[in-house]
């Protein structure tokens, strides 16, 4: 639903998610994940919340039936809870500066695209993803850099030709623009960022909206 420069999920479609029962098969889990995937942009740390559900689909087992666990139930209820909180996203204003807030843990990335108007945060969308196996072995600096690369790739529509800020809680990342050191991966990432007009601003982790990542 869109109005007044904001948008929120359509109530009828949210109700369909709320009415979805505990699943007993991979097909049903895929169906519920498909139903809620669109709303991931409204849900902070979405990838982490649905991890118990997505993990049930992994592996080489072709067995269709699954055991619905308490962890999976909690995962689904948390997502339902987020949707019932009437999440609101603001329409982007391309005449104002965009702010990309990134945070990375050992396991995942959280991103918020926002604009600050009269000192108030106006979230435009949320992004998140779980790190792959190789990515989990990255150093803390590399994980924070990976979060930035992920964010800018996903948000290119908003950021191309725009001057924007990247807010991150990991101080060493501040120097990526001018000094990637001898790390080939960081050097490649620094080169990929060159076309963009951005400033990296350190922000203490306790002030980051995604501090739970």
N, C-alpha and C. Protein backbone atom coordinates (compact mmCIF):
# COMPACT_ATOMS: atom_id res chain seq x y z
N UNK A 1 0.85 -1.19 0.00
CA UNK A 1 0.00 0.00 0.00
C UNK A 1 0.88 1.24 0.00
N UNK A 2 0.59 2.21 -0.87
CA UNK A 2 1.41 3.40 -1.01
C UNK A 2 0.56 4.63 -0.75
N UNK A 3 1.15 5.58 -0.02
CA UNK A 3 0.43 6.82 0.25
C UNK A 3 1.25 7.74 1.11
N UNK A 4 1.14 9.06 0.85
CA UNK A 4 1.84 10.03 1.67
C UNK A 4 3.35 9.88 1.66
N UNK A 5 3.89 9.40 0.52
CA UNK A 5 5.33 9.22 0.43
C UNK A 5 5.85 8.00 1.17
N UNK A 6 4.94 7.12 1.61
CA UNK A 6 5.33 5.91 2.34
C UNK A 6 4.65 4.71 1.70
N UNK A 7 5.16 3.54 2.01
CA UNK A 7 4.50 2.33 1.56
C UNK A 7 4.58 1.28 2.66
N UNK A 8 3.58 0.43 2.71
CA UNK A 8 3.52 -0.63 3.71
C UNK A 8 2.86 -1.85 3.08
N UNK A 9 3.05 -3.03 3.65
CA UNK A 9 2.47 -4.24 3.06
C UNK A 9 0.95 -4.18 3.01
N UNK A 10 0.38 -4.83 1.99
CA UNK A 10 -1.08 -4.89 1.86
C UNK A 10 -1.64 -5.83 2.92
N UNK A 11 -2.60 -5.36 3.67
CA UNK A 11 -3.12 -6.11 4.82
C UNK A 11 -3.62 -7.50 4.45
N UNK A 12 -4.32 -7.59 3.33
CA UNK A 12 -4.88 -8.90 2.93
C UNK A 12 -3.78 -9.91 2.66
N UNK A 13 -2.69 -9.44 2.06
CA UNK A 13 -1.59 -10.36 1.76
C UNK A 13 -0.84 -10.75 3.02
N UNK A 14 -0.74 -9.83 3.97
CA UNK A 14 -0.13 -10.15 5.25
C UNK A 14 -0.95 -11.21 5.97
N UNK A 15 -2.26 -11.09 5.88
CA UNK A 15 -3.14 -12.04 6.55
C UNK A 15 -2.92 -13.45 6.02
N UNK A 16 -2.65 -13.55 4.72
CA UNK A 16 -2.38 -14.88 4.14
C UNK A 16 -1.15 -15.51 4.76
N UNK A 17 -0.15 -14.68 5.07
CA UNK A 17 1.05 -15.18 5.74
C UNK A 17 0.73 -15.56 7.18
N UNK A 18 -0.04 -14.73 7.86
CA UNK A 18 -0.39 -14.98 9.26
C UNK A 18 -1.19 -16.27 9.41
N UNK A 19 -1.99 -16.60 8.39
CA UNK A 19 -2.85 -17.79 8.46
C UNK A 19 -2.13 -19.07 8.06
N UNK A 20 -0.89 -18.93 7.58
CA UNK A 20 -0.18 -20.11 7.10
C UNK A 20 0.18 -21.02 8.27
N UNK A 21 -0.17 -22.29 8.20
CA UNK A 21 0.08 -23.20 9.33
C UNK A 21 1.50 -23.75 9.33
N UNK A 22 1.83 -24.50 10.36
CA UNK A 22 3.10 -25.21 10.41
C UNK A 22 3.21 -26.14 9.20
N UNK A 23 4.39 -26.21 8.61
CA UNK A 23 4.57 -26.98 7.39
C UNK A 23 5.05 -28.40 7.69
N UNK A 24 4.77 -29.28 6.77
CA UNK A 24 5.19 -30.67 6.91
C UNK A 24 5.98 -31.15 5.70
N UNK A 25 6.25 -30.26 4.78
CA UNK A 25 6.98 -30.67 3.58
C UNK A 25 7.84 -29.51 3.08
N UNK A 26 8.82 -29.85 2.25
CA UNK A 26 9.67 -28.83 1.66
C UNK A 26 8.87 -27.93 0.72
N UNK A 27 7.89 -28.53 0.05
CA UNK A 27 7.05 -27.74 -0.86
C UNK A 27 6.32 -26.64 -0.10
N UNK A 28 5.80 -26.97 1.07
CA UNK A 28 5.09 -25.98 1.88
C UNK A 28 6.03 -24.90 2.39
N UNK A 29 7.25 -25.29 2.76
CA UNK A 29 8.21 -24.29 3.22
C UNK A 29 8.58 -23.34 2.08
N UNK A 30 8.78 -23.91 0.89
CA UNK A 30 9.08 -23.05 -0.27
C UNK A 30 7.92 -22.08 -0.52
N UNK A 31 6.71 -22.56 -0.33
CA UNK A 31 5.54 -21.72 -0.56
C UNK A 31 5.50 -20.56 0.42
N UNK A 32 5.74 -20.82 1.72
CA UNK A 32 5.68 -19.75 2.70
C UNK A 32 6.84 -18.78 2.51
N UNK A 33 8.01 -19.31 2.16
CA UNK A 33 9.15 -18.42 1.90
C UNK A 33 8.88 -17.55 0.67
N UNK A 34 8.22 -18.12 -0.32
CA UNK A 34 7.85 -17.35 -1.50
C UNK A 34 6.86 -16.24 -1.16
N UNK A 35 5.94 -16.54 -0.24
CA UNK A 35 4.93 -15.56 0.16
C UNK A 35 5.55 -14.37 0.90
N UNK A 36 6.57 -14.67 1.72
CA UNK A 36 7.12 -13.60 2.55
C UNK A 36 8.36 -12.94 1.96
N UNK A 37 8.92 -13.54 0.89
CA UNK A 37 10.15 -13.00 0.31
C UNK A 37 9.99 -11.55 -0.12
N UNK A 38 8.84 -11.22 -0.71
CA UNK A 38 8.63 -9.84 -1.16
C UNK A 38 8.74 -8.86 -0.01
N UNK A 39 8.32 -9.27 1.17
CA UNK A 39 8.29 -8.37 2.32
C UNK A 39 9.63 -8.29 3.03
N UNK A 40 10.65 -8.96 2.50
CA UNK A 40 11.97 -8.91 3.13
C UNK A 40 12.48 -7.48 3.19
N UNK A 41 12.07 -6.66 2.23
CA UNK A 41 12.53 -5.26 2.21
C UNK A 41 11.97 -4.47 3.40
N UNK A 42 10.92 -4.99 4.03
CA UNK A 42 10.33 -4.33 5.19
C UNK A 42 10.90 -4.85 6.52
N UNK A 43 11.67 -5.93 6.46
CA UNK A 43 12.06 -6.64 7.68
C UNK A 43 13.56 -6.59 7.88
N UNK A 44 13.98 -5.95 8.96
CA UNK A 44 15.39 -5.87 9.30
C UNK A 44 15.92 -7.26 9.68
N UNK A 45 17.11 -7.59 9.17
CA UNK A 45 17.76 -8.88 9.45
C UNK A 45 16.89 -10.07 9.01
N UNK A 46 16.23 -9.91 7.88
CA UNK A 46 15.33 -10.95 7.37
C UNK A 46 16.03 -12.30 7.20
N UNK A 47 17.24 -12.28 6.61
CA UNK A 47 17.95 -13.53 6.34
C UNK A 47 18.18 -14.34 7.61
N UNK A 48 18.50 -13.63 8.68
CA UNK A 48 18.73 -14.32 9.96
C UNK A 48 17.44 -14.90 10.51
N UNK A 49 16.35 -14.15 10.38
CA UNK A 49 15.07 -14.59 10.93
C UNK A 49 14.57 -15.87 10.27
N UNK A 50 14.77 -15.98 8.96
CA UNK A 50 14.23 -17.14 8.23
C UNK A 50 15.25 -18.28 8.08
N UNK A 51 16.42 -18.13 8.69
CA UNK A 51 17.46 -19.16 8.56
C UNK A 51 16.98 -20.55 8.92
N UNK A 52 16.22 -20.75 10.01
CA UNK A 52 15.76 -22.11 10.33
C UNK A 52 14.88 -22.70 9.23
N UNK A 53 14.17 -21.85 8.50
CA UNK A 53 13.31 -22.33 7.41
C UNK A 53 14.14 -22.64 6.16
N UNK A 54 15.04 -21.72 5.81
CA UNK A 54 15.84 -21.95 4.60
C UNK A 54 16.80 -23.13 4.79
N UNK A 55 17.29 -23.33 6.01
CA UNK A 55 18.22 -24.43 6.24
C UNK A 55 17.55 -25.78 6.06
N UNK A 56 16.22 -25.83 6.25
CA UNK A 56 15.49 -27.08 6.07
C UNK A 56 15.45 -27.51 4.61
N UNK A 57 15.74 -26.59 3.70
CA UNK A 57 15.70 -26.90 2.27
C UNK A 57 17.08 -27.27 1.73
N UNK A 58 18.10 -27.15 2.56
CA UNK A 58 19.46 -27.42 2.10
C UNK A 58 19.77 -28.92 2.14
N UNK A 59 20.90 -29.25 1.56
CA UNK A 59 21.35 -30.63 1.59
C UNK A 59 20.90 -31.41 0.37
N UNK A 60 21.42 -32.61 0.25
CA UNK A 60 21.13 -33.45 -0.92
C UNK A 60 19.97 -34.39 -0.70
N UNK A 61 19.40 -34.34 0.49
CA UNK A 61 18.27 -35.22 0.78
C UNK A 61 17.08 -34.86 -0.10
N UNK A 62 16.53 -35.83 -0.78
CA UNK A 62 15.38 -35.57 -1.65
C UNK A 62 14.06 -35.83 -0.94
N UNK A 63 14.17 -36.28 0.28
CA UNK A 63 12.96 -36.57 1.03
C UNK A 63 12.10 -35.31 1.16
N UNK A 64 10.84 -35.44 0.78
CA UNK A 64 9.95 -34.29 0.76
C UNK A 64 9.47 -33.91 2.17
N UNK A 65 9.15 -34.90 2.97
CA UNK A 65 8.61 -34.61 4.30
C UNK A 65 9.72 -34.13 5.24
N UNK A 66 9.35 -33.29 6.18
CA UNK A 66 10.30 -32.76 7.16
C UNK A 66 9.68 -32.84 8.54
N UNK A 67 10.52 -32.64 9.55
CA UNK A 67 10.04 -32.52 10.92
C UNK A 67 10.00 -31.04 11.26
N UNK A 68 8.81 -30.55 11.55
CA UNK A 68 8.64 -29.13 11.89
C UNK A 68 9.12 -28.92 13.33
N UNK A 69 10.21 -28.18 13.49
CA UNK A 69 10.84 -28.04 14.79
C UNK A 69 10.37 -26.77 15.51
N UNK A 70 10.68 -26.73 16.80
CA UNK A 70 10.34 -25.54 17.59
C UNK A 70 11.08 -24.31 17.06
N UNK A 71 12.31 -24.51 16.62
CA UNK A 71 13.10 -23.40 16.06
C UNK A 71 12.45 -22.85 14.79
N UNK A 72 11.92 -23.74 13.96
CA UNK A 72 11.25 -23.31 12.73
C UNK A 72 9.96 -22.56 13.06
N UNK A 73 9.25 -23.05 14.07
CA UNK A 73 8.02 -22.38 14.50
C UNK A 73 8.32 -20.97 15.00
N UNK A 74 9.38 -20.84 15.80
CA UNK A 74 9.76 -19.52 16.31
C UNK A 74 10.16 -18.59 15.17
N UNK A 75 10.86 -19.13 14.19
CA UNK A 75 11.26 -18.34 13.03
C UNK A 75 10.06 -17.76 12.31
N UNK A 76 9.08 -18.62 12.03
CA UNK A 76 7.88 -18.17 11.33
C UNK A 76 7.10 -17.16 12.16
N UNK A 77 7.02 -17.39 13.46
CA UNK A 77 6.27 -16.48 14.32
C UNK A 77 6.95 -15.11 14.41
N UNK A 78 8.27 -15.10 14.39
CA UNK A 78 9.00 -13.83 14.43
C UNK A 78 8.72 -13.00 13.18
N UNK A 79 8.73 -13.68 12.03
CA UNK A 79 8.44 -12.99 10.77
C UNK A 79 7.00 -12.46 10.79
N UNK A 80 6.08 -13.28 11.23
CA UNK A 80 4.68 -12.84 11.34
C UNK A 80 4.58 -11.62 12.26
N UNK A 81 5.32 -11.68 13.37
CA UNK A 81 5.30 -10.58 14.33
C UNK A 81 5.79 -9.28 13.71
N UNK A 82 6.86 -9.38 12.91
CA UNK A 82 7.39 -8.19 12.24
C UNK A 82 6.36 -7.58 11.31
N UNK A 83 5.64 -8.44 10.58
CA UNK A 83 4.66 -7.95 9.62
C UNK A 83 3.44 -7.32 10.29
N UNK A 84 3.10 -7.79 11.48
CA UNK A 84 1.94 -7.24 12.18
C UNK A 84 2.26 -5.91 12.86
N UNK A 85 3.53 -5.51 12.85
CA UNK A 85 3.93 -4.24 13.45
C UNK A 85 3.74 -3.07 12.49
N UNK A 86 3.05 -3.33 11.38
CA UNK A 86 2.77 -2.30 10.38
C UNK A 86 4.04 -1.61 9.91
N UNK A 87 4.99 -2.38 9.36
CA UNK A 87 6.25 -1.77 8.91
C UNK A 87 6.02 -0.77 7.78
N UNK A 88 6.75 0.32 7.82
CA UNK A 88 6.59 1.38 6.84
C UNK A 88 7.94 1.71 6.23
N UNK A 89 7.96 1.83 4.92
CA UNK A 89 9.14 2.28 4.20
C UNK A 89 8.82 3.60 3.51
N UNK A 90 9.80 4.47 3.45
CA UNK A 90 9.60 5.79 2.84
C UNK A 90 10.02 5.77 1.38
N UNK A 91 9.38 6.60 0.59
CA UNK A 91 9.75 6.73 -0.82
C UNK A 91 11.08 7.47 -0.92
N UNK A 92 11.96 7.06 -1.82
CA UNK A 92 13.25 7.76 -1.94
C UNK A 92 13.07 9.16 -2.52
N UNK A 93 13.86 10.09 -2.01
CA UNK A 93 13.89 11.45 -2.52
C UNK A 93 15.25 11.65 -3.16
N UNK A 94 15.30 11.64 -4.49
CA UNK A 94 16.57 11.68 -5.19
C UNK A 94 17.23 13.06 -5.15
N UNK A 95 16.57 14.02 -4.51
CA UNK A 95 17.17 15.33 -4.31
C UNK A 95 17.90 15.41 -2.97
N UNK A 96 17.77 14.35 -2.16
CA UNK A 96 18.43 14.30 -0.86
C UNK A 96 19.51 13.23 -0.86
N UNK A 97 20.41 13.34 0.08
CA UNK A 97 21.51 12.39 0.19
C UNK A 97 21.02 11.04 0.70
N UNK A 98 21.50 9.97 0.06
CA UNK A 98 21.23 8.62 0.54
C UNK A 98 22.28 8.22 1.56
N UNK A 99 21.87 7.38 2.50
CA UNK A 99 22.79 6.83 3.49
C UNK A 99 22.66 5.31 3.44
N UNK A 100 23.78 4.63 3.26
CA UNK A 100 23.81 3.18 3.26
C UNK A 100 24.44 2.74 4.58
N UNK A 101 23.67 2.06 5.40
CA UNK A 101 24.16 1.58 6.69
C UNK A 101 24.40 0.07 6.57
N UNK A 102 25.63 -0.34 6.86
CA UNK A 102 25.97 -1.75 6.74
C UNK A 102 26.52 -2.28 8.07
N UNK A 103 26.28 -3.55 8.29
CA UNK A 103 26.82 -4.21 9.46
C UNK A 103 27.01 -5.68 9.12
N UNK A 104 28.08 -6.27 9.61
CA UNK A 104 28.37 -7.67 9.31
C UNK A 104 28.80 -8.40 10.57
N UNK A 105 28.27 -9.60 10.73
CA UNK A 105 28.70 -10.48 11.82
C UNK A 105 29.53 -11.60 11.21
N UNK A 106 29.80 -12.63 11.96
CA UNK A 106 30.52 -13.79 11.42
C UNK A 106 29.67 -14.56 10.41
N UNK A 107 28.35 -14.37 10.47
CA UNK A 107 27.45 -15.22 9.70
C UNK A 107 26.65 -14.48 8.63
N UNK A 108 26.44 -13.17 8.80
CA UNK A 108 25.50 -12.50 7.90
C UNK A 108 25.79 -11.02 7.73
N UNK A 109 25.06 -10.44 6.78
CA UNK A 109 25.15 -9.02 6.45
C UNK A 109 23.78 -8.39 6.64
N UNK A 110 23.77 -7.19 7.21
CA UNK A 110 22.54 -6.42 7.29
C UNK A 110 22.78 -5.05 6.67
N UNK A 111 21.81 -4.56 5.89
CA UNK A 111 21.94 -3.28 5.19
C UNK A 111 20.63 -2.50 5.31
N UNK A 112 20.76 -1.20 5.52
CA UNK A 112 19.59 -0.32 5.46
C UNK A 112 19.91 0.83 4.51
N UNK A 113 19.04 1.07 3.55
CA UNK A 113 19.12 2.28 2.74
C UNK A 113 18.17 3.28 3.38
N UNK A 114 18.70 4.43 3.75
CA UNK A 114 17.89 5.39 4.48
C UNK A 114 18.21 6.81 4.04
N UNK A 115 17.39 7.75 4.46
CA UNK A 115 17.67 9.17 4.31
C UNK A 115 17.34 9.83 5.64
N UNK A 116 18.15 10.80 6.00
CA UNK A 116 17.96 11.47 7.29
C UNK A 116 17.34 12.84 7.03
N UNK A 117 16.13 13.02 7.51
CA UNK A 117 15.39 14.25 7.27
C UNK A 117 15.03 14.88 8.61
N UNK A 118 15.52 16.08 8.83
CA UNK A 118 15.31 16.78 10.11
C UNK A 118 15.75 15.91 11.30
N UNK A 119 16.86 15.21 11.10
CA UNK A 119 17.41 14.39 12.17
C UNK A 119 16.72 13.05 12.38
N UNK A 120 15.74 12.74 11.54
CA UNK A 120 14.98 11.50 11.69
C UNK A 120 15.31 10.53 10.56
N UNK A 121 15.53 9.25 10.93
CA UNK A 121 15.83 8.23 9.94
C UNK A 121 14.57 7.86 9.16
N UNK A 122 14.68 7.86 7.84
CA UNK A 122 13.58 7.44 6.97
C UNK A 122 14.03 6.21 6.18
N UNK A 123 13.79 5.00 6.70
CA UNK A 123 14.24 3.79 5.98
C UNK A 123 13.52 3.62 4.65
N UNK A 124 14.28 3.32 3.62
CA UNK A 124 13.71 3.12 2.28
C UNK A 124 13.58 1.64 1.97
N UNK A 125 14.57 0.86 2.38
CA UNK A 125 14.46 -0.60 2.29
C UNK A 125 15.54 -1.26 3.12
N UNK A 126 15.29 -2.53 3.45
CA UNK A 126 16.25 -3.35 4.20
C UNK A 126 16.76 -4.46 3.29
N UNK A 127 18.02 -4.81 3.47
CA UNK A 127 18.61 -5.95 2.76
C UNK A 127 19.36 -6.81 3.77
N UNK A 128 19.44 -8.08 3.49
CA UNK A 128 20.26 -8.96 4.34
C UNK A 128 20.60 -10.21 3.56
N UNK A 129 21.65 -10.88 3.99
CA UNK A 129 21.99 -12.17 3.40
C UNK A 129 22.91 -12.91 4.36
N UNK A 130 22.90 -14.24 4.24
CA UNK A 130 23.81 -15.08 5.02
C UNK A 130 25.13 -15.20 4.25
N UNK A 131 26.23 -15.22 4.97
CA UNK A 131 27.52 -15.44 4.32
C UNK A 131 27.62 -16.89 3.83
N UNK A 132 28.28 -17.07 2.69
CA UNK A 132 28.56 -18.41 2.19
C UNK A 132 29.68 -19.02 3.02
N UNK A 133 29.95 -20.29 2.79
CA UNK A 133 31.01 -20.98 3.51
C UNK A 133 32.36 -20.27 3.43
N UNK A 134 32.84 -19.98 2.20
CA UNK A 134 34.13 -19.27 2.08
C UNK A 134 34.11 -17.88 2.72
N UNK A 135 32.99 -17.17 2.61
CA UNK A 135 32.90 -15.82 3.16
C UNK A 135 32.99 -15.81 4.68
N UNK A 136 32.56 -16.90 5.31
CA UNK A 136 32.61 -16.98 6.77
C UNK A 136 34.05 -17.00 7.29
N UNK A 137 34.99 -17.34 6.42
CA UNK A 137 36.40 -17.37 6.83
C UNK A 137 37.09 -16.02 6.65
N UNK A 138 36.37 -15.01 6.12
CA UNK A 138 36.96 -13.69 5.95
C UNK A 138 37.33 -13.09 7.30
N UNK A 139 38.28 -12.18 7.27
CA UNK A 139 38.60 -11.39 8.46
C UNK A 139 37.45 -10.41 8.71
N UNK A 140 37.46 -9.78 9.88
CA UNK A 140 36.40 -8.81 10.20
C UNK A 140 36.36 -7.68 9.17
N UNK A 141 37.53 -7.19 8.78
CA UNK A 141 37.59 -6.12 7.78
C UNK A 141 37.01 -6.57 6.45
N UNK A 142 37.37 -7.78 6.03
CA UNK A 142 36.85 -8.30 4.76
C UNK A 142 35.34 -8.47 4.81
N UNK A 143 34.81 -8.93 5.93
CA UNK A 143 33.35 -9.10 6.04
C UNK A 143 32.64 -7.76 5.93
N UNK A 144 33.20 -6.73 6.56
CA UNK A 144 32.58 -5.41 6.47
C UNK A 144 32.66 -4.88 5.04
N UNK A 145 33.78 -5.13 4.38
CA UNK A 145 33.91 -4.73 2.98
C UNK A 145 32.92 -5.49 2.10
N UNK A 146 32.78 -6.79 2.36
CA UNK A 146 31.83 -7.60 1.61
C UNK A 146 30.42 -7.07 1.78
N UNK A 147 30.09 -6.60 2.97
CA UNK A 147 28.77 -6.04 3.22
C UNK A 147 28.54 -4.80 2.37
N UNK A 148 29.57 -3.97 2.25
CA UNK A 148 29.46 -2.75 1.43
C UNK A 148 29.31 -3.10 -0.04
N UNK A 149 30.11 -4.05 -0.52
CA UNK A 149 30.02 -4.45 -1.92
C UNK A 149 28.63 -5.01 -2.23
N UNK A 150 28.13 -5.86 -1.35
CA UNK A 150 26.80 -6.43 -1.50
C UNK A 150 25.75 -5.32 -1.56
N UNK A 151 25.86 -4.36 -0.64
CA UNK A 151 24.88 -3.27 -0.57
C UNK A 151 24.86 -2.44 -1.85
N UNK A 152 26.04 -2.05 -2.30
CA UNK A 152 26.10 -1.16 -3.46
C UNK A 152 25.64 -1.87 -4.73
N UNK A 153 25.96 -3.16 -4.86
CA UNK A 153 25.46 -3.91 -6.02
C UNK A 153 23.93 -3.95 -6.03
N UNK A 154 23.35 -4.20 -4.86
CA UNK A 154 21.90 -4.31 -4.77
C UNK A 154 21.21 -2.95 -4.90
N UNK A 155 21.91 -1.88 -4.52
CA UNK A 155 21.28 -0.55 -4.46
C UNK A 155 21.73 0.36 -5.60
N UNK A 156 22.32 -0.22 -6.61
CA UNK A 156 22.89 0.58 -7.70
C UNK A 156 21.85 1.52 -8.31
N UNK A 157 20.61 1.08 -8.41
CA UNK A 157 19.55 1.92 -8.99
C UNK A 157 19.45 3.26 -8.25
N UNK A 158 19.60 3.21 -6.93
CA UNK A 158 19.48 4.42 -6.12
C UNK A 158 20.78 5.24 -6.11
N UNK A 159 21.92 4.57 -6.22
CA UNK A 159 23.20 5.21 -5.93
C UNK A 159 23.95 5.71 -7.16
N UNK A 160 23.65 5.18 -8.33
CA UNK A 160 24.35 5.63 -9.54
C UNK A 160 24.17 7.13 -9.73
N UNK A 161 25.27 7.85 -9.85
CA UNK A 161 25.21 9.29 -10.09
C UNK A 161 24.87 10.11 -8.87
N UNK A 162 24.76 9.47 -7.73
CA UNK A 162 24.39 10.17 -6.50
C UNK A 162 25.59 10.25 -5.55
N UNK A 163 25.64 11.32 -4.79
CA UNK A 163 26.61 11.41 -3.70
C UNK A 163 25.96 10.82 -2.46
N UNK A 164 26.62 9.85 -1.82
CA UNK A 164 25.99 9.20 -0.69
C UNK A 164 27.01 8.86 0.39
N UNK A 165 26.51 8.53 1.57
CA UNK A 165 27.35 8.14 2.69
C UNK A 165 27.21 6.64 2.95
N UNK A 166 28.29 6.04 3.39
CA UNK A 166 28.26 4.67 3.88
C UNK A 166 28.60 4.73 5.37
N UNK A 167 27.68 4.31 6.20
CA UNK A 167 27.90 4.30 7.64
C UNK A 167 28.18 2.86 8.08
N UNK A 168 29.29 2.66 8.76
CA UNK A 168 29.68 1.33 9.21
C UNK A 168 30.33 1.43 10.58
N UNK A 169 30.26 0.38 11.35
CA UNK A 169 30.79 0.42 12.71
C UNK A 169 32.20 -0.15 12.81
N UNK A 170 32.79 -0.49 11.66
CA UNK A 170 34.12 -1.13 11.69
C UNK A 170 35.15 -0.12 11.20
N UNK A 171 35.90 0.46 12.12
CA UNK A 171 36.79 1.57 11.80
C UNK A 171 37.79 1.31 10.68
N UNK A 172 38.45 0.12 10.60
CA UNK A 172 39.43 -0.08 9.53
C UNK A 172 38.86 0.11 8.13
N UNK A 173 37.54 -0.07 7.97
CA UNK A 173 36.95 0.07 6.64
C UNK A 173 37.03 1.50 6.14
N UNK A 174 37.23 2.45 7.04
CA UNK A 174 37.29 3.85 6.66
C UNK A 174 38.40 4.09 5.64
N UNK A 175 39.45 3.30 5.69
CA UNK A 175 40.60 3.52 4.81
C UNK A 175 40.53 2.72 3.51
N UNK A 176 39.46 2.01 3.26
CA UNK A 176 39.42 1.19 2.04
C UNK A 176 39.52 2.04 0.78
N UNK A 177 38.99 3.26 0.82
CA UNK A 177 38.97 4.10 -0.37
C UNK A 177 40.37 4.51 -0.81
N UNK A 178 41.30 4.61 0.15
CA UNK A 178 42.64 5.09 -0.18
C UNK A 178 43.75 4.07 0.07
N UNK A 179 43.45 3.04 0.88
CA UNK A 179 44.52 2.11 1.24
C UNK A 179 43.97 0.72 1.50
N UNK A 180 44.03 -0.11 0.49
CA UNK A 180 43.56 -1.49 0.64
C UNK A 180 44.70 -2.41 1.05
N UNK A 181 45.89 -1.83 1.28
CA UNK A 181 47.02 -2.63 1.73
C UNK A 181 47.47 -3.63 0.69
N UNK A 182 47.90 -4.79 1.16
CA UNK A 182 48.39 -5.83 0.26
C UNK A 182 47.39 -6.96 0.07
N UNK A 183 46.14 -6.71 0.44
CA UNK A 183 45.11 -7.73 0.33
C UNK A 183 44.47 -7.66 -1.05
N UNK A 184 44.72 -8.66 -1.92
CA UNK A 184 44.19 -8.60 -3.30
C UNK A 184 42.67 -8.46 -3.35
N UNK A 185 41.99 -9.15 -2.42
CA UNK A 185 40.53 -9.08 -2.43
C UNK A 185 40.06 -7.66 -2.11
N UNK A 186 40.67 -7.03 -1.11
CA UNK A 186 40.29 -5.66 -0.76
C UNK A 186 40.62 -4.70 -1.90
N UNK A 187 41.72 -4.96 -2.59
CA UNK A 187 42.10 -4.11 -3.71
C UNK A 187 41.07 -4.19 -4.83
N UNK A 188 40.58 -5.41 -5.12
CA UNK A 188 39.56 -5.58 -6.16
C UNK A 188 38.28 -4.85 -5.76
N UNK A 189 37.91 -4.99 -4.49
CA UNK A 189 36.70 -4.34 -4.02
C UNK A 189 36.84 -2.81 -4.08
N UNK A 190 38.03 -2.31 -3.71
CA UNK A 190 38.25 -0.87 -3.75
C UNK A 190 38.10 -0.35 -5.18
N UNK A 191 38.62 -1.11 -6.14
CA UNK A 191 38.49 -0.71 -7.55
C UNK A 191 37.03 -0.70 -7.99
N UNK A 192 36.26 -1.68 -7.52
CA UNK A 192 34.85 -1.75 -7.92
C UNK A 192 34.04 -0.59 -7.36
N UNK A 193 34.56 0.04 -6.30
CA UNK A 193 33.85 1.16 -5.68
C UNK A 193 34.20 2.50 -6.32
N UNK A 194 35.26 2.53 -7.13
CA UNK A 194 35.74 3.80 -7.67
C UNK A 194 34.71 4.59 -8.47
N UNK A 195 33.82 3.94 -9.22
CA UNK A 195 32.85 4.74 -10.00
C UNK A 195 31.84 5.50 -9.14
N UNK A 196 31.75 5.16 -7.86
CA UNK A 196 30.73 5.76 -7.00
C UNK A 196 31.27 6.95 -6.20
N UNK A 197 30.39 7.90 -5.96
CA UNK A 197 30.75 9.11 -5.22
C UNK A 197 30.25 8.97 -3.79
N UNK A 198 31.08 8.43 -2.93
CA UNK A 198 30.64 8.12 -1.58
C UNK A 198 31.66 8.58 -0.54
N UNK A 199 31.18 8.71 0.68
CA UNK A 199 32.04 8.99 1.83
C UNK A 199 31.75 7.94 2.88
N UNK A 200 32.79 7.36 3.46
CA UNK A 200 32.59 6.37 4.53
C UNK A 200 32.66 7.08 5.88
N UNK A 201 31.64 6.87 6.67
CA UNK A 201 31.54 7.51 7.98
C UNK A 201 31.47 6.44 9.06
N UNK A 202 32.41 6.43 10.00
CA UNK A 202 32.34 5.45 11.09
C UNK A 202 31.20 5.79 12.04
N UNK A 203 30.50 4.77 12.47
CA UNK A 203 29.40 4.95 13.41
C UNK A 203 29.47 3.83 14.44
N UNK A 204 29.57 4.15 15.73
CA UNK A 204 29.69 3.10 16.75
C UNK A 204 28.61 2.04 16.62
N UNK A 205 28.99 0.79 16.84
CA UNK A 205 28.06 -0.33 16.68
C UNK A 205 26.80 -0.16 17.49
N UNK A 206 26.89 0.39 18.70
CA UNK A 206 25.72 0.54 19.54
C UNK A 206 24.73 1.54 18.98
N UNK A 207 25.18 2.38 18.03
CA UNK A 207 24.28 3.35 17.40
C UNK A 207 23.69 2.83 16.11
N UNK A 208 24.20 1.68 15.63
CA UNK A 208 23.71 1.14 14.37
C UNK A 208 22.36 0.48 14.58
N UNK A 209 21.38 0.76 13.71
CA UNK A 209 20.07 0.12 13.83
C UNK A 209 20.15 -1.39 13.78
N UNK A 210 21.19 -1.94 13.10
CA UNK A 210 21.30 -3.39 12.92
C UNK A 210 22.29 -3.99 13.90
N UNK A 211 22.39 -3.42 15.10
CA UNK A 211 23.40 -3.85 16.06
C UNK A 211 23.23 -5.30 16.49
N UNK A 212 22.05 -5.89 16.18
CA UNK A 212 21.82 -7.29 16.55
C UNK A 212 22.37 -8.26 15.52
N UNK A 213 22.85 -7.75 14.38
CA UNK A 213 23.39 -8.64 13.34
C UNK A 213 24.61 -9.37 13.89
